[in-house]
Amino acid sequence: MTVKIIVAILSTVGVLGTLVPAVPGTPLILLGALIYGFTSNFAVYGWGFIGILVLLSILAEGLDYLASVLGAKYFGASRFGIIGAIGGGILATIFLGPIGLVIGPLLGAIIVELLRGKKFEEALKVGVGTIVGNVSGSIISFLISILMTILLLVRVF
């Protein structure tokens, strides 16, 4: 019973983690599945199910990243603007923690696009695009994490 509670907690934190920057959402759900699998000798599900969860986790993380890039690109980001958004996200996260994942890409994209000669309004539009992409990616990741949690908890409980 205790293991089931741990799985439920990891799944809940995993789902919420897809909405909070720097919290590994879908990998936590996968961790819960592995813990339950090993403690039950995989009596309820096998490695095929774990493989499905791994693929869903990779899909969620990949689409989260891709949505961010596509959001910036859709709003007019150059290749350098996208690199600026990624670099800004990394640097701001180092210095500001999780909030840096929100502010960093915005500022990184704006600064790089301004340095490349875009007008402020155009650079700001690109920065907003990074936010739109990040939010879209988080929503996609959130929905996939709910699917993963349902698939797991139906088998565990």
C-alpha atoms as a PDB file:
ATOM      1  CA  MET A   1       0.000   0.000   0.000  1.00  0.00           C
ATOM      2  CA  THR A   2       2.848   2.401   0.813  1.00  0.00           C
ATOM      3  CA  VAL A   3       4.330   1.939  -2.656  1.00  0.00           C
ATOM      4  CA  LYS A   4       0.963   2.794  -4.204  1.00  0.00           C
ATOM      5  CA  ILE A   5       0.914   6.043  -2.219  1.00  0.00           C
ATOM      6  CA  ILE A   6       4.437   6.861  -3.412  1.00  0.00           C
ATOM      7  CA  VAL A   7       3.363   6.214  -7.014  1.00  0.00           C
ATOM      8  CA  ALA A   8       0.316   8.462  -6.566  1.00  0.00           C
ATOM      9  CA  ILE A   9       2.450  11.232  -5.049  1.00  0.00           C
ATOM     10  CA  LEU A  10       5.099  11.005  -7.781  1.00  0.00           C
ATOM     11  CA  SER A  11       2.385  11.049 -10.443  1.00  0.00           C
ATOM     12  CA  THR A  12       0.693  14.082  -8.914  1.00  0.00           C
ATOM     13  CA  VAL A  13       3.972  15.969  -8.542  1.00  0.00           C
ATOM     14  CA  GLY A  14       4.857  14.905 -12.080  1.00  0.00           C
ATOM     15  CA  VAL A  15       1.643  16.311 -13.546  1.00  0.00           C
ATOM     16  CA  LEU A  16       2.063  19.559 -11.611  1.00  0.00           C
ATOM     17  CA  GLY A  17       5.746  19.592 -12.544  1.00  0.00           C
ATOM     18  CA  THR A  18       4.880  20.019 -16.204  1.00  0.00           C
ATOM     19  CA  LEU A  19       3.489  23.432 -15.279  1.00  0.00           C
ATOM     20  CA  VAL A  20       6.366  24.512 -13.028  1.00  0.00           C
ATOM     21  CA  PRO A  21       9.675  25.419 -14.652  1.00  0.00           C
ATOM     22  CA  ALA A  22      12.648  23.220 -13.732  1.00  0.00           C
ATOM     23  CA  VAL A  23      10.545  20.399 -12.239  1.00  0.00           C
ATOM     24  CA  PRO A  24      10.950  17.167 -14.211  1.00  0.00           C
ATOM     25  CA  GLY A  25       7.283  16.343 -14.762  1.00  0.00           C
ATOM     26  CA  THR A  26       6.986  13.268 -16.939  1.00  0.00           C
ATOM     27  CA  PRO A  27      10.223  11.654 -15.682  1.00  0.00           C
ATOM     28  CA  LEU A  28       8.726  11.647 -12.159  1.00  0.00           C
ATOM     29  CA  ILE A  29       5.705   9.724 -13.430  1.00  0.00           C
ATOM     30  CA  LEU A  30       8.056   7.288 -15.135  1.00  0.00           C
ATOM     31  CA  LEU A  31      10.040   6.948 -11.893  1.00  0.00           C
ATOM     32  CA  GLY A  32       6.837   6.051 -10.044  1.00  0.00           C
ATOM     33  CA  ALA A  33       6.071   3.394 -12.652  1.00  0.00           C
ATOM     34  CA  LEU A  34       9.559   1.925 -12.303  1.00  0.00           C
ATOM     35  CA  ILE A  35       9.385   1.888  -8.499  1.00  0.00           C
ATOM     36  CA  TYR A  36       6.061   0.075  -8.557  1.00  0.00           C
ATOM     37  CA  GLY A  37       7.254  -2.276 -11.271  1.00  0.00           C
ATOM     38  CA  PHE A  38      10.368  -3.321  -9.374  1.00  0.00           C
ATOM     39  CA  THR A  39       8.600  -3.656  -6.010  1.00  0.00           C
ATOM     40  CA  SER A  40       5.841  -5.802  -7.546  1.00  0.00           C
ATOM     41  CA  ASN A  41       8.200  -7.816  -9.781  1.00  0.00           C
ATOM     42  CA  PHE A  42       6.311  -6.321 -12.719  1.00  0.00           C
ATOM     43  CA  ALA A  43       3.239  -8.394 -11.849  1.00  0.00           C
ATOM     44  CA  VAL A  44       0.782  -5.702 -13.000  1.00  0.00           C
ATOM     45  CA  TYR A  45       2.594  -4.495 -16.111  1.00  0.00           C
ATOM     46  CA  GLY A  46       5.754  -5.318 -17.986  1.00  0.00           C
ATOM     47  CA  TRP A  47       8.581  -3.636 -19.805  1.00  0.00           C
ATOM     48  CA  GLY A  48       6.334  -2.939 -22.790  1.00  0.00           C
ATOM     49  CA  PHE A  49       4.238  -0.623 -20.632  1.00  0.00           C
ATOM     50  CA  ILE A  50       7.380   1.047 -19.288  1.00  0.00           C
ATOM     51  CA  GLY A  51       8.493   1.500 -22.899  1.00  0.00           C
ATOM     52  CA  ILE A  52       5.210   3.250 -23.714  1.00  0.00           C
ATOM     53  CA  LEU A  53       5.698   5.594 -20.752  1.00  0.00           C
ATOM     54  CA  VAL A  54       9.289   6.285 -21.836  1.00  0.00           C
ATOM     55  CA  LEU A  55       8.098   7.161 -25.344  1.00  0.00           C
ATOM     56  CA  LEU A  56       5.344   9.409 -23.968  1.00  0.00           C
ATOM     57  CA  SER A  57       7.851  11.129 -21.687  1.00  0.00           C
ATOM     58  CA  ILE A  58      10.279  11.719 -24.561  1.00  0.00           C
ATOM     59  CA  LEU A  59       7.393  12.955 -26.712  1.00  0.00           C
ATOM     60  CA  ALA A  60       6.255  15.379 -23.996  1.00  0.00           C
ATOM     61  CA  GLU A  61       9.722  16.786 -23.415  1.00  0.00           C
ATOM     62  CA  GLY A  62      10.480  16.995 -27.129  1.00  0.00           C
ATOM     63  CA  LEU A  63       7.211  18.711 -28.001  1.00  0.00           C
ATOM     64  CA  ASP A  64       7.673  21.100 -25.081  1.00  0.00           C
ATOM     65  CA  TYR A  65      11.028  22.177 -26.512  1.00  0.00           C
ATOM     66  CA  LEU A  66       9.793  22.209 -30.114  1.00  0.00           C
ATOM     67  CA  ALA A  67       6.752  24.335 -29.242  1.00  0.00           C
ATOM     68  CA  SER A  68       9.035  26.951 -27.701  1.00  0.00           C
ATOM     69  CA  VAL A  69      11.175  27.146 -30.823  1.00  0.00           C
ATOM     70  CA  LEU A  70       8.180  27.162 -33.165  1.00  0.00           C
ATOM     71  CA  GLY A  71       6.463  29.865 -31.101  1.00  0.00           C
ATOM     72  CA  ALA A  72       9.477  32.124 -31.393  1.00  0.00           C
ATOM     73  CA  LYS A  73       9.872  31.338 -35.092  1.00  0.00           C
ATOM     74  CA  TYR A  74       6.171  31.991 -35.797  1.00  0.00           C
ATOM     75  CA  PHE A  75       6.494  35.416 -34.197  1.00  0.00           C
ATOM     76  CA  GLY A  76       9.467  36.286 -36.396  1.00  0.00           C
ATOM     77  CA  ALA A  77      12.550  35.102 -34.530  1.00  0.00           C
ATOM     78  CA  SER A  78      15.745  34.658 -36.474  1.00  0.00           C
ATOM     79  CA  ARG A  79      17.965  31.661 -35.844  1.00  0.00           C
ATOM     80  CA  PHE A  80      20.051  33.915 -33.612  1.00  0.00           C
ATOM     81  CA  GLY A  81      16.943  35.056 -31.739  1.00  0.00           C
ATOM     82  CA  ILE A  82      16.105  31.441 -30.960  1.00  0.00           C
ATOM     83  CA  ILE A  83      19.673  30.857 -29.782  1.00  0.00           C
ATOM     84  CA  GLY A  84      19.359  34.012 -27.658  1.00  0.00           C
ATOM     85  CA  ALA A  85      16.144  32.689 -26.127  1.00  0.00           C
ATOM     86  CA  ILE A  86      17.787  29.375 -25.265  1.00  0.00           C
ATOM     87  CA  GLY A  87      20.910  31.072 -23.890  1.00  0.00           C
ATOM     88  CA  GLY A  88      18.833  33.584 -21.959  1.00  0.00           C
ATOM     89  CA  GLY A  89      16.811  30.761 -20.448  1.00  0.00           C
ATOM     90  CA  ILE A  90      19.923  28.912 -19.331  1.00  0.00           C
ATOM     91  CA  LEU A  91      21.697  31.972 -17.891  1.00  0.00           C
ATOM     92  CA  ALA A  92      18.621  33.352 -16.168  1.00  0.00           C
ATOM     93  CA  THR A  93      17.875  29.961 -14.630  1.00  0.00           C
ATOM     94  CA  ILE A  94      21.382  29.806 -13.186  1.00  0.00           C
ATOM     95  CA  PHE A  95      21.024  33.232 -11.562  1.00  0.00           C
ATOM     96  CA  LEU A  96      17.275  33.456 -10.894  1.00  0.00           C
ATOM     97  CA  GLY A  97      16.208  29.846 -10.460  1.00  0.00           C
ATOM     98  CA  PRO A  98      12.944  28.590 -11.958  1.00  0.00           C
ATOM     99  CA  ILE A  99      11.601  32.098 -12.661  1.00  0.00           C
ATOM    100  CA  GLY A 100      14.589  32.524 -14.967  1.00  0.00           C
ATOM    101  CA  LEU A 101      13.090  29.923 -17.294  1.00  0.00           C
ATOM    102  CA  VAL A 102      10.254  32.366 -17.942  1.00  0.00           C
ATOM    103  CA  ILE A 103      12.117  35.678 -17.986  1.00  0.00           C
ATOM    104  CA  GLY A 104      15.350  34.454 -19.604  1.00  0.00           C
ATOM    105  CA  PRO A 105      14.035  33.343 -23.003  1.00  0.00           C
ATOM    106  CA  LEU A 106      11.975  36.527 -23.308  1.00  0.00           C
ATOM    107  CA  LEU A 107      14.920  38.814 -22.566  1.00  0.00           C
ATOM    108  CA  GLY A 108      17.431  36.677 -24.466  1.00  0.00           C
ATOM    109  CA  ALA A 109      15.348  36.768 -27.640  1.00  0.00           C
ATOM    110  CA  ILE A 110      14.655  40.504 -27.349  1.00  0.00           C
ATOM    111  CA  ILE A 111      18.287  41.437 -26.688  1.00  0.00           C
ATOM    112  CA  VAL A 112      19.674  39.326 -29.532  1.00  0.00           C
ATOM    113  CA  GLU A 113      17.074  40.555 -32.014  1.00  0.00           C
ATOM    114  CA  LEU A 114      17.825  44.177 -31.018  1.00  0.00           C
ATOM    115  CA  LEU A 115      21.543  43.539 -31.472  1.00  0.00           C
ATOM    116  CA  ARG A 116      20.784  42.097 -34.910  1.00  0.00           C
ATOM    117  CA  GLY A 117      19.092  45.365 -35.887  1.00  0.00           C
ATOM    118  CA  LYS A 118      15.393  44.696 -35.396  1.00  0.00           C
ATOM    119  CA  LYS A 119      13.171  47.486 -34.139  1.00  0.00           C
ATOM    120  CA  PHE A 120      12.086  47.242 -30.522  1.00  0.00           C
ATOM    121  CA  GLU A 121       8.495  46.365 -31.464  1.00  0.00           C
ATOM    122  CA  GLU A 122       9.673  43.497 -33.680  1.00  0.00           C
ATOM    123  CA  ALA A 123      12.079  42.232 -31.020  1.00  0.00           C
ATOM    124  CA  LEU A 124       9.343  42.425 -28.392  1.00  0.00           C
ATOM    125  CA  LYS A 125       7.036  40.436 -30.661  1.00  0.00           C
ATOM    126  CA  VAL A 126       9.705  37.720 -30.896  1.00  0.00           C
ATOM    127  CA  GLY A 127      10.058  37.748 -27.102  1.00  0.00           C
ATOM    128  CA  VAL A 128       6.311  37.330 -26.713  1.00  0.00           C
ATOM    129  CA  GLY A 129       6.517  34.457 -29.205  1.00  0.00           C
ATOM    130  CA  THR A 130       8.939  32.646 -26.929  1.00  0.00           C
ATOM    131  CA  ILE A 131       6.452  32.970 -24.068  1.00  0.00           C
ATOM    132  CA  VAL A 132       3.565  31.765 -26.257  1.00  0.00           C
ATOM    133  CA  GLY A 133       5.695  28.815 -27.352  1.00  0.00           C
ATOM    134  CA  ASN A 134       6.707  28.008 -23.773  1.00  0.00           C
ATOM    135  CA  VAL A 135       3.101  28.094 -22.578  1.00  0.00           C
ATOM    136  CA  SER A 136       1.980  25.951 -25.523  1.00  0.00           C
ATOM    137  CA  GLY A 137       4.725  23.442 -24.788  1.00  0.00           C
ATOM    138  CA  SER A 138       3.741  23.317 -21.127  1.00  0.00           C
ATOM    139  CA  ILE A 139       0.116  22.646 -22.038  1.00  0.00           C
ATOM    140  CA  ILE A 140       1.131  19.806 -24.366  1.00  0.00           C
ATOM    141  CA  SER A 141       3.423  18.334 -21.719  1.00  0.00           C
ATOM    142  CA  PHE A 142       0.666  18.691 -19.085  1.00  0.00           C
ATOM    143  CA  LEU A 143      -1.847  16.807 -21.244  1.00  0.00           C
ATOM    144  CA  ILE A 144       0.611  13.998 -21.971  1.00  0.00           C
ATOM    145  CA  SER A 145       1.443  13.761 -18.253  1.00  0.00           C
ATOM    146  CA  ILE A 146      -2.256  13.346 -17.451  1.00  0.00           C
ATOM    147  CA  LEU A 147      -2.456  10.520 -19.995  1.00  0.00           C
ATOM    148  CA  MET A 148       0.620   8.869 -18.474  1.00  0.00           C
ATOM    149  CA  THR A 149      -0.828   9.184 -14.974  1.00  0.00           C
ATOM    150  CA  ILE A 150      -4.176   7.707 -15.980  1.00  0.00           C
ATOM    151  CA  LEU A 151      -2.475   4.789 -17.737  1.00  0.00           C
ATOM    152  CA  LEU A 152      -0.308   4.140 -14.675  1.00  0.00           C
ATOM    153  CA  LEU A 153      -2.846   4.596 -11.892  1.00  0.00           C
ATOM    154  CA  VAL A 154      -5.466   2.440 -13.622  1.00  0.00           C
ATOM    155  CA  ARG A 155      -2.952  -0.409 -13.505  1.00  0.00           C
ATOM    156  CA  VAL A 156      -1.681   0.273  -9.983  1.00  0.00           C
ATOM    157  CA  PHE A 157      -5.043   0.803  -8.286  1.00  0.00           C
END
